[in-house]
Protein backbone atom coordinates (compact mmCIF):
# COMPACT_ATOMS: atom_id res chain seq x y z
CA MET A 1 -70.74 32.57 -3.81
CA ASP A 2 -70.72 35.40 -6.40
CA THR A 3 -69.49 38.87 -5.48
CA VAL A 4 -72.95 40.51 -5.68
CA THR A 5 -74.49 38.03 -3.21
CA TYR A 6 -71.49 38.38 -0.92
CA LEU A 7 -71.88 42.18 -1.01
CA GLN A 8 -75.58 41.97 -0.14
CA ILE A 9 -74.94 39.66 2.83
CA ASN A 10 -72.35 42.04 4.28
CA LEU A 11 -73.89 45.38 3.33
CA ILE A 12 -77.11 45.01 5.37
CA PRO A 13 -75.44 44.34 8.76
CA MET A 14 -72.87 47.05 8.02
CA LEU A 15 -75.65 49.62 7.48
CA ALA A 16 -77.42 48.39 10.63
CA LEU A 17 -74.22 48.91 12.63
CA LEU A 18 -73.83 52.45 11.30
CA ILE A 19 -77.41 53.27 12.33
CA MET A 20 -76.84 51.77 15.80
CA ARG A 21 -73.57 53.69 16.13
CA ALA A 22 -75.39 56.95 15.40
CA ASN A 23 -78.12 56.16 17.95
CA VAL A 24 -75.88 55.02 20.81
CA LYS A 25 -74.60 58.55 21.37
CA TYR A 26 -78.12 59.81 22.08
CA THR A 27 -79.77 56.78 23.70
CA LEU A 28 -77.13 55.44 26.14
CA THR A 29 -75.62 57.22 29.11
CA TYR A 30 -72.01 58.36 28.75
CA SER A 31 -69.70 55.77 30.28
CA TRP A 32 -66.66 53.65 29.48
CA ARG A 33 -69.00 50.80 28.61
CA SER A 34 -71.06 52.81 26.10
CA ARG A 35 -67.87 54.16 24.51
CA ALA A 36 -66.53 50.60 24.22
CA LEU A 37 -69.79 49.48 22.59
CA ARG A 38 -69.60 52.33 20.07
CA PHE A 39 -65.97 51.49 19.37
CA MET A 40 -66.82 47.82 18.74
CA MET A 41 -69.46 48.92 16.23
CA VAL A 42 -66.88 51.02 14.38
CA LEU A 43 -64.38 48.14 14.38
CA LEU A 44 -66.99 45.74 13.01
CA VAL A 45 -67.95 48.19 10.25
CA GLY A 46 -64.25 48.30 9.36
CA VAL A 47 -64.19 44.49 9.27
CA PHE A 48 -67.15 44.43 6.87
CA PHE A 49 -65.66 47.11 4.64
CA THR A 50 -62.22 45.49 4.36
CA ASN A 51 -63.83 42.08 3.94
CA ILE A 52 -66.01 43.32 1.07
CA THR A 53 -63.19 45.13 -0.72
CA GLY A 54 -60.78 42.22 -0.20
CA ARG A 55 -63.33 39.82 -1.66
CA TYR A 56 -64.03 42.09 -4.62
CA PHE A 57 -60.37 42.50 -5.59
CA ASP A 58 -59.33 38.92 -4.73
CA GLY A 59 -57.50 37.55 -7.77
CA GLY A 60 -57.47 40.94 -9.51
CA GLN A 61 -54.64 41.86 -11.84
CA MET A 62 -54.90 45.65 -11.95
CA PRO A 63 -51.85 47.73 -10.97
CA GLY A 64 -51.62 48.16 -7.20
CA THR A 65 -54.10 45.35 -6.50
CA ARG A 66 -51.53 43.21 -4.71
CA VAL A 67 -50.62 45.98 -2.24
CA PHE A 68 -54.28 46.77 -1.72
CA LEU A 69 -55.06 43.11 -0.96
CA TRP A 70 -52.24 42.88 1.57
CA LEU A 71 -53.65 45.93 3.36
CA SER A 72 -57.35 45.00 3.20
CA ASN A 73 -56.85 41.41 4.34
CA GLY A 74 -54.41 42.45 7.04
CA PHE A 75 -56.71 45.14 8.39
CA CYS A 76 -59.70 42.77 8.30
CA LEU A 77 -57.96 40.17 10.46
CA GLY A 78 -56.40 42.79 12.74
CA LEU A 79 -59.65 44.66 13.34
CA LEU A 80 -61.57 41.47 14.13
CA ALA A 81 -58.91 40.31 16.60
CA PHE A 82 -58.84 43.75 18.22
CA MET A 83 -62.64 43.73 18.49
CA ALA A 84 -62.46 40.34 20.25
CA TYR A 85 -60.06 41.91 22.75
CA ILE A 86 -62.39 44.89 23.37
CA TRP A 87 -65.31 42.45 23.66
CA TYR A 88 -63.42 40.65 26.42
CA LEU A 89 -62.78 43.91 28.29
CA TYR A 90 -66.42 44.93 27.87
CA THR A 91 -67.73 41.63 29.24
CA ARG A 92 -65.32 41.79 32.19
CA ASP A 93 -66.61 45.26 32.97
CA VAL A 94 -70.21 44.04 32.92
CA ALA A 95 -69.42 40.94 34.99
CA GLU A 96 -67.41 42.83 37.60
CA ASN A 97 -69.76 45.85 37.58
CA GLY A 98 -66.65 47.98 37.19
CA ILE A 99 -65.87 51.45 35.93
CA GLY A 100 -64.03 50.45 32.77
CA GLN A 101 -61.24 48.00 32.05
CA ARG A 102 -58.31 50.26 31.31
CA GLY A 103 -54.77 51.00 32.47
CA THR A 104 -51.98 48.49 32.95
CA GLY A 105 -54.44 45.70 33.75
CA ALA A 106 -56.06 46.04 30.33
CA LEU A 107 -52.63 46.07 28.66
CA LYS A 108 -51.71 42.78 30.33
CA LEU A 109 -54.97 41.24 29.13
CA GLY A 110 -54.07 42.42 25.63
CA ILE A 111 -50.79 40.44 25.41
CA PRO A 112 -52.27 37.70 23.15
CA PHE A 113 -53.56 40.36 20.75
CA PHE A 114 -50.23 42.20 20.72
CA ILE A 115 -48.41 38.96 19.88
CA PHE A 116 -50.81 38.31 17.02
CA ALA A 117 -50.49 41.92 15.81
CA ALA A 118 -46.69 41.55 15.70
CA LEU A 119 -47.00 38.38 13.61
CA LEU A 120 -49.55 40.08 11.34
CA LEU A 121 -47.18 42.98 10.68
CA THR A 122 -44.48 40.54 9.50
CA THR A 123 -46.91 38.61 7.29
CA PRO A 124 -46.09 40.43 3.99
CA TRP A 125 -42.55 39.06 4.31
CA THR A 126 -43.11 35.79 6.16
CA GLY A 127 -46.61 34.75 5.02
CA ILE A 128 -47.17 33.34 8.50
CA ILE A 129 -50.82 34.45 8.86
CA PHE A 130 -51.81 34.63 5.20
CA SER A 131 -50.25 35.15 1.77
CA LEU A 132 -51.18 35.95 -1.83
CA ASP A 133 -50.42 33.51 -4.62
CA GLU A 134 -49.18 34.51 -8.05
CA GLN A 135 -52.72 35.26 -9.22
CA ASN A 136 -53.36 37.49 -6.15
CA PHE A 137 -55.70 35.03 -4.45
CA TYR A 138 -55.83 34.94 -0.64
CA VAL A 139 -54.16 31.89 0.96
CA ARG A 140 -54.13 31.05 4.68
CA GLY A 141 -50.68 30.77 6.21
CA ASP A 142 -49.19 28.15 8.53
CA GLY A 143 -49.75 30.48 11.50
CA TYR A 144 -53.38 31.24 10.71
CA MET A 145 -54.43 29.25 13.78
CA VAL A 146 -52.79 31.94 15.95
CA TYR A 147 -55.48 34.31 14.70
CA VAL A 148 -58.19 31.73 15.38
CA VAL A 149 -56.92 30.99 18.90
CA VAL A 150 -56.65 34.68 19.82
CA THR A 151 -60.09 35.71 18.55
CA PHE A 152 -61.92 32.63 19.77
CA GLY A 153 -59.92 32.68 22.99
CA TYR A 154 -61.01 36.19 23.91
CA VAL A 155 -64.67 35.50 23.12
CA VAL A 156 -64.79 32.20 25.00
CA ALA A 157 -62.79 33.62 27.93
CA SER A 158 -65.29 36.48 28.22
CA SER A 159 -68.15 34.00 28.65
CA VAL A 160 -66.23 31.87 31.14
CA HIS A 161 -65.33 34.91 33.23
CA ALA A 162 -68.94 36.18 33.19
CA LEU A 163 -70.28 32.79 34.30
CA ARG A 164 -67.73 32.60 37.14
CA CYS A 165 -68.80 36.05 38.32
CA ALA A 166 -72.46 35.00 38.10
CA LYS A 167 -71.83 32.19 40.59
CA LYS A 168 -70.31 34.65 43.08
CA GLU A 169 -73.04 37.28 42.77
CA GLU A 170 -75.46 37.59 45.67
CA GLN A 171 -78.09 39.61 43.84
CA VAL A 172 -80.40 37.66 41.53
CA GLU A 173 -80.57 40.40 38.90
CA ARG A 174 -76.79 40.79 38.81
CA ARG A 175 -76.43 37.05 38.31
CA LEU A 176 -78.86 37.25 35.41
CA GLU A 177 -76.93 40.18 33.92
CA CYS A 178 -73.67 38.21 34.09
CA LYS A 179 -75.26 35.16 32.48
CA THR A 180 -76.75 37.33 29.74
CA ALA A 181 -73.31 38.84 29.06
CA ALA A 182 -71.89 35.33 28.81
CA GLY A 183 -74.58 34.31 26.33
CA PHE A 184 -73.74 37.09 23.90
CA ALA A 185 -70.67 35.11 22.79
CA ILE A 186 -72.74 32.22 21.40
CA LEU A 187 -73.50 33.78 18.02
CA PRO A 188 -69.92 34.95 17.24
CA VAL A 189 -68.53 31.54 18.19
CA CYS A 190 -71.10 29.72 16.03
CA GLY A 191 -70.47 32.11 13.15
CA GLY A 192 -66.71 31.64 13.42
CA LEU A 193 -67.01 27.85 13.45
CA LEU A 194 -69.31 27.86 10.42
CA GLN A 195 -66.90 30.23 8.67
CA MET A 196 -64.05 27.79 9.18
CA LEU A 197 -66.15 24.88 7.86
CA TYR A 198 -67.58 26.81 4.90
CA PRO A 199 -65.05 29.56 4.02
CA ALA A 200 -66.89 30.44 0.80
CA VAL A 201 -69.94 31.64 2.77
CA GLU A 202 -69.89 34.64 5.12
CA PHE A 203 -71.01 33.70 8.62
CA ALA A 204 -68.69 35.33 11.15
CA GLY A 205 -69.46 38.98 10.35
CA PRO A 206 -73.28 38.84 10.24
CA PHE A 207 -73.45 36.59 13.32
CA THR A 208 -71.21 38.97 15.26
CA ALA A 209 -73.25 41.97 14.11
CA ALA A 210 -76.42 40.25 15.35
CA SER A 211 -74.79 39.70 18.75
CA VAL A 212 -73.71 43.36 18.97
CA LEU A 213 -77.31 44.34 18.19
CA MET A 214 -78.49 42.12 21.06
CA VAL A 215 -75.98 43.78 23.40
CA TYR A 216 -77.21 47.22 22.35
CA LEU A 217 -80.87 46.31 22.91
CA ASP A 218 -80.07 44.72 26.28
CA VAL A 219 -78.18 47.82 27.44
CA GLN A 220 -81.08 50.02 26.36
CA GLN A 221 -83.58 47.85 28.21
CA ARG A 222 -81.55 47.82 31.43
CA GLN A 223 -81.01 51.56 31.24
CA VAL A 224 -84.76 52.16 31.02
CA ILE A 225 -85.58 50.13 34.15
CA ARG A 226 -82.54 50.84 36.36
CA ASP A 227 -82.04 53.68 38.83
CA ALA A 228 -78.83 55.41 37.79
CA LEU A 229 -77.67 56.27 41.33
CA THR A 230 -78.25 52.99 43.18
CA GLY A 231 -78.38 50.37 40.45
CA LEU A 232 -81.73 49.11 41.77
CA ASN A 233 -84.94 48.97 39.76
CA ASN A 234 -86.38 52.44 39.25
CA ARG A 235 -89.89 53.74 39.95
CA GLY A 236 -91.07 52.97 36.42
CA ARG A 237 -90.01 49.33 36.70
CA LEU A 238 -91.65 49.14 40.17
CA ASP A 239 -94.96 50.37 38.75
CA GLN A 240 -94.69 47.78 35.97
CA TYR A 241 -93.93 45.03 38.49
CA LEU A 242 -96.93 46.00 40.63
CA LEU A 243 -99.17 45.80 37.56
CA GLU A 244 -97.78 42.34 36.82
CA MET A 245 -98.59 41.32 40.40
CA GLU A 246 -102.16 42.59 40.02
CA GLU A 247 -102.61 40.36 36.99
CA GLN A 248 -101.46 37.33 39.00
CA ASN A 249 -103.00 35.67 42.05
CA TRP A 250 -100.58 37.46 44.35
CA ARG A 251 -102.90 37.30 47.38
CA GLY A 252 -102.60 33.54 47.39
CA ASP A 253 -98.81 33.65 47.48
CA SER A 254 -96.53 34.34 50.41
CA TYR A 255 -95.66 37.97 49.61
CA HIS A 256 -94.25 40.55 52.01
CA LEU A 257 -93.94 44.18 50.96
CA LEU A 258 -91.39 46.37 52.74
CA LEU A 259 -91.30 50.15 52.35
CA MET A 260 -88.45 52.03 54.02
CA ASP A 261 -86.69 55.35 54.12
CA VAL A 262 -83.57 56.83 55.73
CA ASP A 263 -84.26 58.73 58.93
CA GLN A 264 -83.08 62.37 59.04
CA PHE A 265 -81.84 62.12 55.47
CA LYS A 266 -82.55 65.79 54.84
CA LYS A 267 -80.19 66.69 57.70
CA ILE A 268 -77.45 64.63 56.05
CA ASN A 269 -77.91 66.56 52.81
CA ASP A 270 -78.08 69.94 54.59
CA ARG A 271 -75.09 69.32 56.85
CA PHE A 272 -72.72 67.33 54.63
CA GLY A 273 -73.96 68.08 51.11
CA HIS A 274 -75.79 66.17 48.43
CA MET A 275 -72.66 64.27 47.37
CA THR A 276 -72.56 62.65 50.82
CA GLY A 277 -76.31 62.08 50.67
CA ASP A 278 -75.95 60.25 47.37
CA HIS A 279 -73.12 58.17 48.88
CA VAL A 280 -75.39 57.15 51.76
CA LEU A 281 -78.16 56.11 49.36
CA ARG A 282 -75.72 53.96 47.39
CA LEU A 283 -74.53 52.31 50.61
CA VAL A 284 -78.11 51.60 51.68
CA ALA A 285 -78.84 50.11 48.25
CA ASP A 286 -75.71 47.93 48.52
CA GLN A 287 -76.88 46.70 51.92
CA LEU A 288 -80.27 45.83 50.44
CA LYS A 289 -78.52 43.79 47.76
CA LYS A 290 -76.39 41.98 50.35
CA THR A 291 -79.36 41.23 52.60
CA PHE A 292 -81.92 40.16 49.99
CA GLY A 293 -79.64 39.27 47.07
CA ARG A 294 -80.08 35.49 47.29
CA THR A 295 -83.83 35.57 47.88
CA SER A 296 -86.75 35.75 45.45
CA SER A 297 -87.12 39.47 45.99
CA PHE A 298 -87.70 42.59 43.95
CA LEU A 299 -85.67 45.65 45.00
CA ALA A 300 -86.46 49.17 43.84
CA ARG A 301 -85.80 52.78 44.66
CA TYR A 302 -89.22 54.26 45.29
CA GLY A 303 -88.07 57.86 45.19
CA GLY A 304 -85.71 60.13 47.11
CA ASP A 305 -84.49 58.16 50.13
CA GLU A 306 -87.32 55.59 49.97
CA PHE A 307 -86.87 51.95 48.91
CA VAL A 308 -89.22 49.04 48.29
CA VAL A 309 -88.58 45.33 48.78
CA ILE A 310 -91.14 42.76 47.63
CA LEU A 311 -90.21 39.43 49.16
CA LYS A 312 -91.74 36.12 48.10
CA GLY A 313 -91.74 32.68 49.70
CA LYS A 314 -90.75 33.63 53.28
CA ASN A 315 -92.70 33.30 56.52
CA ASP A 316 -93.08 36.06 59.10
CA ASP A 317 -90.15 34.92 61.24
CA GLU A 318 -87.82 34.74 58.25
CA VAL A 319 -88.86 38.22 57.10
CA ALA A 320 -88.31 39.58 60.61
CA ALA A 321 -84.80 38.08 60.58
CA TYR A 322 -84.04 39.73 57.23
CA ILE A 323 -85.28 43.08 58.52
CA GLU A 324 -83.10 42.79 61.61
CA ALA A 325 -80.07 41.86 59.48
CA LEU A 326 -80.75 44.86 57.26
CA ARG A 327 -80.98 47.23 60.23
CA ARG A 328 -77.69 45.92 61.65
CA GLY A 329 -75.96 46.19 58.32
CA ILE A 330 -77.12 49.76 57.73
CA ALA A 331 -76.28 50.84 61.29
CA GLY A 332 -72.76 49.50 60.80
CA MET A 333 -72.13 51.29 57.50
CA ASN A 334 -68.99 53.39 57.33
CA TRP A 335 -70.28 56.41 55.44
CA GLY A 336 -67.58 58.85 56.51
CA GLU A 337 -69.37 60.48 59.45
CA ARG A 338 -69.91 57.57 61.84
CA GLY A 339 -68.74 59.71 64.73
CA THR A 340 -71.74 61.96 64.16
CA TRP A 341 -74.52 59.38 64.01
CA ASN A 342 -75.35 55.97 62.62
CA ILE A 343 -77.72 55.64 59.71
CA VAL A 344 -81.15 54.36 60.74
CA VAL A 345 -83.98 53.25 58.47
CA SER A 346 -87.70 53.16 59.21
CA ILE A 347 -89.45 50.12 57.77
CA GLY A 348 -93.10 49.34 57.17
CA CYS A 349 -93.95 45.71 56.44
CA VAL A 350 -97.21 44.25 55.10
CA LYS A 351 -97.91 40.64 54.14
CA ALA A 352 -100.30 39.63 51.38
CA GLU A 353 -102.79 37.97 53.74
CA GLU A 354 -103.42 41.32 55.43
CA ALA A 355 -104.45 42.89 52.12
CA ALA A 356 -106.73 40.11 50.90
CA ASP A 357 -109.55 42.55 50.09
CA GLN A 358 -107.28 45.38 48.93
CA SER A 359 -105.36 46.30 45.80
CA ILE A 360 -101.59 46.19 45.63
CA ARG A 361 -101.60 50.01 45.80
CA GLN A 362 -103.54 49.93 49.06
CA MET A 363 -101.03 47.41 50.35
CA LEU A 364 -98.30 49.93 49.54
CA GLU A 365 -100.21 52.67 51.37
CA LEU A 366 -100.51 50.43 54.45
CA ALA A 367 -96.78 49.80 54.36
CA ASP A 368 -96.23 53.56 54.14
CA ALA A 369 -98.39 54.14 57.24
CA ARG A 370 -96.47 51.49 59.18
CA MET A 371 -93.18 52.98 58.07
CA TYR A 372 -94.16 56.29 59.70
CA GLU A 373 -95.19 54.46 62.86
CA ASP A 374 -91.73 52.90 62.92
CA LYS A 375 -90.21 56.35 62.36
CA LYS A 376 -91.98 57.69 65.46
CA LYS A 377 -90.58 54.82 67.52
CA ASN A 378 -87.07 55.53 66.25
CA ARG A 379 -87.35 59.17 67.33
CA LYS A 380 -88.18 58.16 70.87
CA LYS A 381 -85.06 55.98 71.17
């Protein structure tokens, strides 16, 4: 492949990464995960740049070319291996729904990279990872497979870990998120394998850039539809889901719609503060995920302290059992003030057969009316 073609293949994804990097700051919420995604974009741009310059000067005879080639090739391999390590941490964070993989745990996970980095630093003297022949052409060293094992190992391990977490997840949407995170490794692995088979053609970089783009788009999509406080679907996604139901023959299916809110929630906010109120809402959302996580259900925060569950494929007795399990779980929550009162939710339930001549919105209104009937009963207890 001539240098001009090689430059064109690498320049387009590099520019795309720079544009994405500029947009991430303004389109994604500030978090460890978004910072890690931005950092991976920067690392990959560095890989493209050093790869392009190393290719251009490969075999050059100008003064200083040999030193430049040692640096460009070394940085290219080092940056790609480091990106694979960050990719692994990022995927673990997604799979475990954590708050960032950092600290001593992250350092332990980085041991394979640190070993490779140490070998890479000695390469100008040992030639273990790569070397330059007398004409300044790049030559793979006897220890090049260490680089391959480390980079491929991190990427493959990230997918394996995400799939293992998906099996343990109770919530359907979380399982899907873990499986999606696992799938993002397919393109980099394919690109790396093709690169090894056809070293004259650039596969690894563009394939990896395409996967990073998919990650970015997926994060954007999830951010648009997810409630930031509870992690459930937000009101916008609920409205979209209701429209999708209207377009289907939902009346002929076994649907149950549950609308609920937290009793005396305003008193919790007034007495203990909004921080405690937010904590209670998160706990209620977690209990919803535990109760309905393994069912064909749609969970959403309707607004304030109100939540919606749309349950499919269950009969009345099964739904009643789920509601009872939810009430018990919420009543038993340890929210920091259990000595004061237990959290109670009022629930209105409507099944599709009852709304045969009504719209899905009217079904929601009926559930709202029944929720307030349930609230009156709770006050009398």
